[in-house]
Protein backbone atom coordinates (compact mmCIF):
# COMPACT_ATOMS: atom_id res chain seq x y z
CA UNK A 1 28.79 3.91 -8.32
CA UNK A 2 26.78 1.11 -6.73
CA UNK A 3 23.77 -0.36 -8.46
CA UNK A 4 20.91 -1.54 -6.22
CA UNK A 5 17.88 -3.67 -7.08
CA UNK A 6 14.86 -3.71 -4.74
CA UNK A 7 12.57 -6.71 -5.16
CA UNK A 8 9.02 -6.41 -3.84
CA UNK A 9 6.24 -8.38 -5.57
CA UNK A 10 3.52 -7.27 -3.15
CA UNK A 11 0.84 -4.56 -3.07
CA UNK A 12 0.71 -0.79 -2.67
CA UNK A 13 1.28 -0.66 1.08
CA UNK A 14 4.25 -3.01 1.02
CA UNK A 15 5.87 -1.04 -1.79
CA UNK A 16 5.42 2.23 0.08
CA UNK A 17 6.94 0.58 3.16
CA UNK A 18 10.18 0.25 1.16
CA UNK A 19 10.44 3.96 0.34
CA UNK A 20 12.49 4.73 3.50
CA UNK A 21 15.00 2.14 2.23
CA UNK A 22 15.18 3.92 -1.14
CA UNK A 23 15.73 7.27 0.57
CA UNK A 24 18.45 5.87 2.82
CA UNK A 25 20.32 4.38 -0.17
CA UNK A 26 20.25 7.68 -2.04
CA UNK A 27 21.29 9.63 1.06
CA UNK A 28 24.26 7.32 1.56
CA UNK A 29 25.16 7.04 -2.13
CA UNK A 30 23.70 9.98 -4.12
CA UNK A 31 25.16 8.72 -7.39
CA UNK A 32 23.80 5.21 -7.01
CA UNK A 33 21.50 3.58 -9.55
CA UNK A 34 18.32 2.06 -8.12
CA UNK A 35 16.15 -0.45 -9.92
CA UNK A 36 12.84 -1.75 -8.59
CA UNK A 37 11.21 -5.07 -9.45
CA UNK A 38 7.46 -4.94 -8.71
CA UNK A 39 4.10 -6.24 -9.86
CA UNK A 40 2.09 -4.81 -12.72
CA UNK A 41 -0.56 -3.20 -10.50
CA UNK A 42 1.80 -0.96 -8.52
CA UNK A 43 4.22 -0.10 -11.35
CA UNK A 44 2.49 3.24 -12.15
CA UNK A 45 3.34 4.42 -8.63
CA UNK A 46 7.04 3.77 -9.06
CA UNK A 47 7.59 5.09 -12.55
CA UNK A 48 7.50 8.68 -11.31
CA UNK A 49 9.56 8.23 -8.14
CA UNK A 50 12.47 10.65 -8.53
CA UNK A 51 14.88 8.33 -6.67
CA UNK A 52 14.17 5.24 -8.79
CA UNK A 53 16.10 4.95 -12.04
CA UNK A 54 14.42 1.92 -13.62
CA UNK A 55 11.32 -0.16 -12.93
CA UNK A 56 11.10 -3.85 -13.79
CA UNK A 57 7.49 -5.03 -14.06
CA UNK A 58 5.74 -8.40 -13.52
CA UNK A 59 5.80 -10.69 -10.52
CA UNK A 60 5.12 -14.44 -10.54
CA UNK A 61 1.39 -13.87 -10.14
CA UNK A 62 1.31 -11.54 -13.16
CA UNK A 63 3.15 -14.07 -15.31
CA UNK A 64 0.85 -16.92 -14.24
CA UNK A 65 -2.21 -14.79 -15.04
CA UNK A 66 -0.84 -13.93 -18.49
CA UNK A 67 0.21 -17.54 -19.10
CA UNK A 68 -3.36 -18.71 -18.52
CA UNK A 69 -4.29 -16.79 -21.68
CA UNK A 70 -1.06 -16.93 -23.69
CA UNK A 71 1.88 -19.08 -22.59
CA UNK A 72 4.19 -17.77 -25.31
CA UNK A 73 3.58 -14.16 -24.31
CA UNK A 74 4.19 -14.99 -20.65
CA UNK A 75 7.44 -16.80 -21.47
CA UNK A 76 8.62 -13.87 -23.56
CA UNK A 77 7.84 -11.36 -20.80
CA UNK A 78 9.62 -13.49 -18.17
CA UNK A 79 12.71 -13.92 -20.36
CA UNK A 80 12.76 -10.22 -21.19
CA UNK A 81 12.47 -9.33 -17.51
CA UNK A 82 15.37 -11.59 -16.57
CA UNK A 83 17.51 -10.31 -19.43
CA UNK A 84 16.81 -6.70 -18.46
CA UNK A 85 17.84 -7.29 -14.85
CA UNK A 86 20.97 -9.18 -15.87
CA UNK A 87 21.98 -6.44 -18.31
CA UNK A 88 22.08 -3.82 -15.54
CA UNK A 89 24.79 -5.74 -13.63
CA UNK A 90 23.43 -4.85 -10.18
CA UNK A 91 25.81 -5.01 -7.21
CA UNK A 92 23.26 -5.50 -4.43
CA UNK A 93 19.68 -6.80 -4.29
CA UNK A 94 17.33 -6.18 -1.38
CA UNK A 95 14.75 -8.97 -1.61
CA UNK A 96 11.51 -8.34 0.33
CA UNK A 97 9.64 -11.27 -1.26
CA UNK A 98 9.95 -13.81 1.62
CA UNK A 99 10.54 -16.65 -0.83
CA UNK A 100 13.44 -18.25 -2.67
CA UNK A 101 12.50 -17.80 -6.32
CA UNK A 102 13.29 -14.09 -6.58
CA UNK A 103 16.68 -14.40 -4.89
CA UNK A 104 17.45 -17.41 -7.11
CA UNK A 105 16.79 -15.27 -10.18
CA UNK A 106 18.88 -12.47 -8.68
CA UNK A 107 21.73 -14.95 -8.20
CA UNK A 108 21.26 -16.25 -11.75
CA UNK A 109 21.41 -12.67 -13.02
CA UNK A 110 24.84 -12.32 -11.45
CA UNK A 111 23.98 -10.07 -8.50
CA UNK A 112 26.76 -10.85 -6.02
CA UNK A 113 25.18 -9.55 -2.78
CA UNK A 114 21.60 -10.55 -2.04
CA UNK A 115 20.03 -9.33 1.20
CA UNK A 116 16.65 -10.38 2.54
CA UNK A 117 14.61 -12.36 5.06
CA UNK A 118 14.99 -16.06 5.72
CA UNK A 119 11.37 -17.08 6.30
CA UNK A 120 10.75 -20.82 6.72
CA UNK A 121 14.16 -21.60 5.24
CA UNK A 122 13.40 -19.81 1.96
CA UNK A 123 16.50 -17.62 2.12
CA UNK A 124 18.90 -20.23 0.74
CA UNK A 125 19.89 -18.06 -2.23
CA UNK A 126 20.55 -14.97 -0.10
CA UNK A 127 24.11 -14.02 0.84
CA UNK A 128 22.95 -12.03 3.91
CA UNK A 129 19.70 -12.73 5.72
CA UNK A 130 17.67 -12.01 8.83
CA UNK A 131 15.76 -14.98 10.20
CA UNK A 132 12.07 -14.27 10.82
CA UNK A 133 8.91 -16.23 11.64
CA UNK A 134 6.66 -13.33 10.66
CA UNK A 135 6.22 -9.63 11.39
CA UNK A 136 5.06 -8.95 14.95
CA UNK A 137 5.09 -6.20 17.58
CA UNK A 138 6.67 -3.55 15.35
CA UNK A 139 6.03 -2.05 11.96
CA UNK A 140 6.97 -3.64 8.63
CA UNK A 141 8.96 -0.49 7.79
CA UNK A 142 11.20 -1.20 10.77
CA UNK A 143 11.81 -4.75 9.54
CA UNK A 144 12.63 -3.45 6.07
CA UNK A 145 15.03 -0.85 7.42
CA UNK A 146 16.81 -3.61 9.38
CA UNK A 147 18.02 -5.06 6.08
CA UNK A 148 20.03 -1.90 5.47
CA UNK A 149 22.15 -2.73 8.49
CA UNK A 150 23.44 -5.78 6.62
CA UNK A 151 24.80 -3.47 3.92
CA UNK A 152 26.21 -0.83 6.27
CA UNK A 153 23.83 1.87 5.03
CA UNK A 154 22.67 4.18 7.86
CA UNK A 155 19.06 5.30 8.36
CA UNK A 156 17.80 8.34 10.25
CA UNK A 157 14.09 8.86 10.96
CA UNK A 158 12.59 6.53 8.33
CA UNK A 159 9.57 8.04 6.64
CA UNK A 160 7.44 6.94 3.70
CA UNK A 161 7.08 9.15 0.65
CA UNK A 162 5.21 9.10 -2.64
CA UNK A 163 5.50 10.93 -5.93
CA UNK A 164 3.32 11.10 -9.03
CA UNK A 165 3.33 13.06 -12.28
CA UNK A 166 2.18 16.65 -12.64
CA UNK A 167 -0.14 15.45 -15.38
CA UNK A 168 -1.91 13.09 -12.98
CA UNK A 169 -2.23 15.89 -10.44
CA UNK A 170 -3.79 18.20 -13.06
CA UNK A 171 -6.23 15.49 -14.17
CA UNK A 172 -7.28 14.87 -10.58
CA UNK A 173 -7.76 18.58 -9.91
CA UNK A 174 -9.94 18.89 -13.01
CA UNK A 175 -11.97 15.87 -11.91
CA UNK A 176 -12.55 17.35 -8.47
CA UNK A 177 -13.49 20.70 -10.01
CA UNK A 178 -16.00 19.06 -12.37
CA UNK A 179 -17.73 17.45 -9.38
CA UNK A 180 -17.81 20.60 -7.29
CA UNK A 181 -15.20 19.39 -4.84
CA UNK A 182 -13.42 22.71 -4.49
CA UNK A 183 -14.01 25.68 -2.25
CA UNK A 184 -13.94 26.30 1.47
CA UNK A 185 -15.77 23.14 2.58
CA UNK A 186 -13.41 20.33 3.61
CA UNK A 187 -13.23 17.33 1.27
CA UNK A 188 -13.25 14.02 3.14
CA UNK A 189 -12.33 10.90 1.23
CA UNK A 190 -13.86 7.53 2.06
CA UNK A 191 -12.33 4.27 0.83
CA UNK A 192 -14.85 1.49 1.62
CA UNK A 193 -12.79 -1.22 -0.11
CA UNK A 194 -9.10 -2.01 0.13
CA UNK A 195 -7.09 -5.16 0.69
CA UNK A 196 -6.81 -6.25 -2.95
CA UNK A 197 -3.79 -8.42 -2.18
CA UNK A 198 -6.08 -10.60 0.00
CA UNK A 199 -8.14 -11.59 -3.03
CA UNK A 200 -11.46 -13.24 -2.08
CA UNK A 201 -10.71 -12.68 1.62
CA UNK A 202 -10.52 -8.90 1.23
CA UNK A 203 -14.09 -8.60 2.53
CA UNK A 204 -12.83 -9.58 5.98
CA UNK A 205 -10.97 -6.25 6.09
CA UNK A 206 -14.03 -4.16 5.17
CA UNK A 207 -16.08 -2.17 7.68
CA UNK A 208 -19.76 -2.56 6.67
CA UNK A 209 -20.86 -0.40 3.71
CA UNK A 210 -23.93 0.80 5.62
CA UNK A 211 -21.62 2.14 8.35
CA UNK A 212 -19.64 4.10 5.79
CA UNK A 213 -22.91 5.49 4.45
CA UNK A 214 -24.08 6.59 7.91
CA UNK A 215 -20.69 8.15 8.55
CA UNK A 216 -20.78 10.03 5.23
CA UNK A 217 -24.19 11.49 6.11
CA UNK A 218 -22.98 12.68 9.52
CA UNK A 219 -19.83 14.21 8.09
CA UNK A 220 -21.92 16.10 5.56
CA UNK A 221 -24.65 17.21 7.97
CA UNK A 222 -22.60 18.02 11.06
CA UNK A 223 -19.25 19.13 9.63
CA UNK A 224 -20.41 20.54 6.31
CA UNK A 225 -17.91 18.31 4.51
CA UNK A 226 -18.00 17.23 0.90
CA UNK A 227 -17.62 13.47 0.56
CA UNK A 228 -15.76 11.63 -2.21
CA UNK A 229 -15.68 7.85 -2.49
CA UNK A 230 -12.44 6.44 -3.84
CA UNK A 231 -11.33 2.98 -4.85
CA UNK A 232 -10.00 0.76 -7.60
CA UNK A 233 -12.00 -0.84 -10.39
CA UNK A 234 -12.72 -3.97 -8.37
CA UNK A 235 -14.20 -1.85 -5.57
CA UNK A 236 -16.96 -0.29 -7.65
CA UNK A 237 -19.59 -2.61 -6.18
CA UNK A 238 -18.92 -1.81 -2.52
CA UNK A 239 -18.66 1.92 -3.29
CA UNK A 240 -22.00 1.62 -5.08
CA UNK A 241 -23.54 0.09 -1.96
CA UNK A 242 -22.43 3.14 0.03
CA UNK A 243 -23.73 5.53 -2.63
CA UNK A 244 -27.15 3.85 -2.71
CA UNK A 245 -27.52 4.00 1.07
CA UNK A 246 -26.55 7.61 1.81
CA UNK A 247 -29.12 10.37 2.21
CA UNK A 248 -26.77 13.29 1.59
CA UNK A 249 -25.11 13.87 -1.80
CA UNK A 250 -21.60 12.62 -2.41
CA UNK A 251 -19.24 12.02 -5.33
CA UNK A 252 -18.34 8.45 -6.27
CA UNK A 253 -14.99 8.20 -8.07
CA UNK A 254 -14.40 4.51 -7.36
CA UNK A 255 -13.09 2.84 -10.50
CA UNK A 256 -12.95 6.17 -12.34
CA UNK A 257 -9.32 7.07 -11.70
CA UNK A 258 -5.96 5.60 -12.55
CA UNK A 259 -3.70 4.66 -9.65
CA UNK A 260 -1.77 7.93 -10.05
CA UNK A 261 -4.99 9.93 -10.17
CA UNK A 262 -6.23 8.13 -7.07
CA UNK A 263 -3.09 9.29 -5.25
CA UNK A 264 -3.69 12.85 -6.41
CA UNK A 265 -7.35 12.79 -5.35
CA UNK A 266 -6.35 11.56 -1.89
CA UNK A 267 -3.71 14.30 -1.72
CA UNK A 268 -6.52 16.85 -2.06
CA UNK A 269 -8.52 15.43 0.86
CA UNK A 270 -8.52 16.97 4.32
CA UNK A 271 -8.95 13.47 5.80
CA UNK A 272 -9.18 9.97 4.39
CA UNK A 273 -11.38 7.43 6.18
CA UNK A 274 -10.39 3.97 5.08
CA UNK A 275 -10.12 0.30 5.80
CA UNK A 276 -6.71 -1.29 6.20
CA UNK A 277 -5.25 -1.24 2.69
CA UNK A 278 -3.32 0.63 0.02
CA UNK A 279 -5.27 3.94 0.14
CA UNK A 280 -4.35 4.31 3.82
CA UNK A 281 -0.64 4.20 3.06
CA UNK A 282 -1.04 6.41 -0.02
CA UNK A 283 -2.53 9.04 2.27
CA UNK A 284 0.08 8.68 5.02
CA UNK A 285 2.95 8.81 2.53
CA UNK A 286 1.60 12.21 1.43
CA UNK A 287 0.96 13.57 4.92
CA UNK A 288 -2.84 13.42 4.54
CA UNK A 289 -4.67 12.89 7.84
CA UNK A 290 -6.30 9.48 8.17
CA UNK A 291 -8.78 7.52 10.23
CA UNK A 292 -8.27 3.84 9.51
CA UNK A 293 -10.30 0.82 10.57
CA UNK A 294 -8.46 -2.39 11.42
CA UNK A 295 -10.02 -5.81 11.72
CA UNK A 296 -7.97 -9.02 11.40
CA UNK A 297 -4.63 -7.23 10.89
CA UNK A 298 -2.41 -5.82 13.64
CA UNK A 299 -2.28 -2.03 13.31
CA UNK A 300 1.09 -1.98 15.12
CA UNK A 301 2.58 -3.94 12.22
CA UNK A 302 0.63 -2.76 9.17
CA UNK A 303 -0.88 0.53 10.35
CA UNK A 304 0.09 4.13 9.63
CA UNK A 305 3.81 4.82 9.87
CA UNK A 306 5.13 6.70 11.70
CA UNK A 307 2.65 6.77 14.59
CA UNK A 308 1.08 10.22 14.87
CA UNK A 309 -2.03 11.94 16.22
CA UNK A 310 -2.77 12.81 12.59
CA UNK A 311 -3.18 9.10 11.79
CA UNK A 312 -5.76 7.37 13.98
CA UNK A 313 -6.06 3.60 13.70
CA UNK A 314 -9.26 2.22 15.21
CA UNK A 315 -9.66 -1.34 16.39
CA UNK A 316 -11.98 -3.49 18.44
CA UNK A 317 -10.85 -5.24 21.63
CA UNK A 318 -12.23 -8.68 20.80
CA UNK A 319 -9.96 -11.44 22.09
CA UNK A 320 -9.53 -13.15 18.71
CA UNK A 321 -7.82 -10.25 16.95
CA UNK A 322 -5.44 -9.89 15.30
CA UNK A 323 -6.07 -13.21 13.58
CA UNK A 324 -3.74 -12.50 10.63
CA UNK A 325 -0.39 -13.80 11.87
CA UNK A 326 2.82 -14.97 10.21
CA UNK A 327 1.39 -13.99 6.80
CA UNK A 328 -1.64 -16.23 7.21
CA UNK A 329 -5.34 -15.51 7.66
CA UNK A 330 -7.05 -18.56 9.12
CA UNK A 331 -10.60 -17.34 8.51
CA UNK A 332 -13.19 -15.81 10.83
CA UNK A 333 -15.32 -17.73 13.29
CA UNK A 334 -16.67 -14.67 15.10
CA UNK A 335 -18.90 -13.04 12.49
CA UNK A 336 -16.37 -10.24 11.88
CA UNK A 337 -16.90 -8.89 15.39
CA UNK A 338 -13.59 -7.02 15.17
CA UNK A 339 -15.10 -4.77 12.50
CA UNK A 340 -18.76 -4.60 13.50
CA UNK A 341 -17.63 -3.72 17.01
CA UNK A 342 -16.35 -0.36 15.76
CA UNK A 343 -19.25 2.09 15.80
CA UNK A 344 -20.05 4.99 13.49
CA UNK A 345 -19.84 7.25 16.54
CA UNK A 346 -16.24 6.16 17.20
CA UNK A 347 -15.16 6.82 13.63
CA UNK A 348 -16.97 10.17 13.50
CA UNK A 349 -15.31 11.26 16.74
CA UNK A 350 -11.90 10.23 15.40
CA UNK A 351 -12.44 12.29 12.24
CA UNK A 352 -13.38 15.38 14.24
CA UNK A 353 -10.26 14.98 16.40
CA UNK A 354 -7.81 14.73 13.49
CA UNK A 355 -9.43 17.73 11.82
CA UNK A 356 -8.95 20.01 14.85
């Protein structure tokens, strides 16, 4: 039996992009043991994945955040994490981190085969690597699947998937029922935030809140849809801006659900309208129809996967986009024209098309 460790310290979308790799490993080696090293924020998503045997929590950012408050606690967590990984005696690590520290720790933990990307010479502790300058012209999932070729594991029709607990599904259903979001009328989810991994720059990925409000009113008036706002705790403010601006009633669940419950709420939507971010990939991984709005990021690289008429990614044709390249966002000098150039009419039309 082989033991595999997947290392991905990034956000929701990036973690979901690795699920085709997980599936391919299990298809090739059904008795294999798969561990996953992730950050604290996404860990609830992975703890109920049926193909993952053990989750290791805390990335470097988590440890630094904890150390700012309690250095001894942070040191203890880091040592416990390393000891836990070493104890499992993994055979192969797939490192998606794009830096050298995680593969160094994998080497120190005695993992003999370490596969990943050599970005800017940071792959020096990898035993097998693909040289890259960034992700361009094709989807991240396709880059991730390429790493499997270095281990001889075959892949057929890579597809993202997501799983969460029955308890979370029941809680979400009860929440929707309490707010009258059941019945024959379609429920359309709107995620006006997203892009948490961008930190203070996340706003550059956000379509204007007033546009989301106008869209919500049209979807209610013209399609008879029930609207639910979704988002994490740090997106309460932008969801509140939408709620204050709308004329038609809607339900605002932003900040009121756990990550698992958020997934379950999205699962119950007929369509999710969203910025580029985690909720988009949560929806796609569950087969929920989406209309997504892309600004600085290339939809060919970070958009819905696989490409489908059920997943419409909208973008503006301004010459300066995409301006996020080689994992860097250089800032905006064009007053976010890539986002403001996408009209409410365009998004409304896209929603009507995916619903028919």
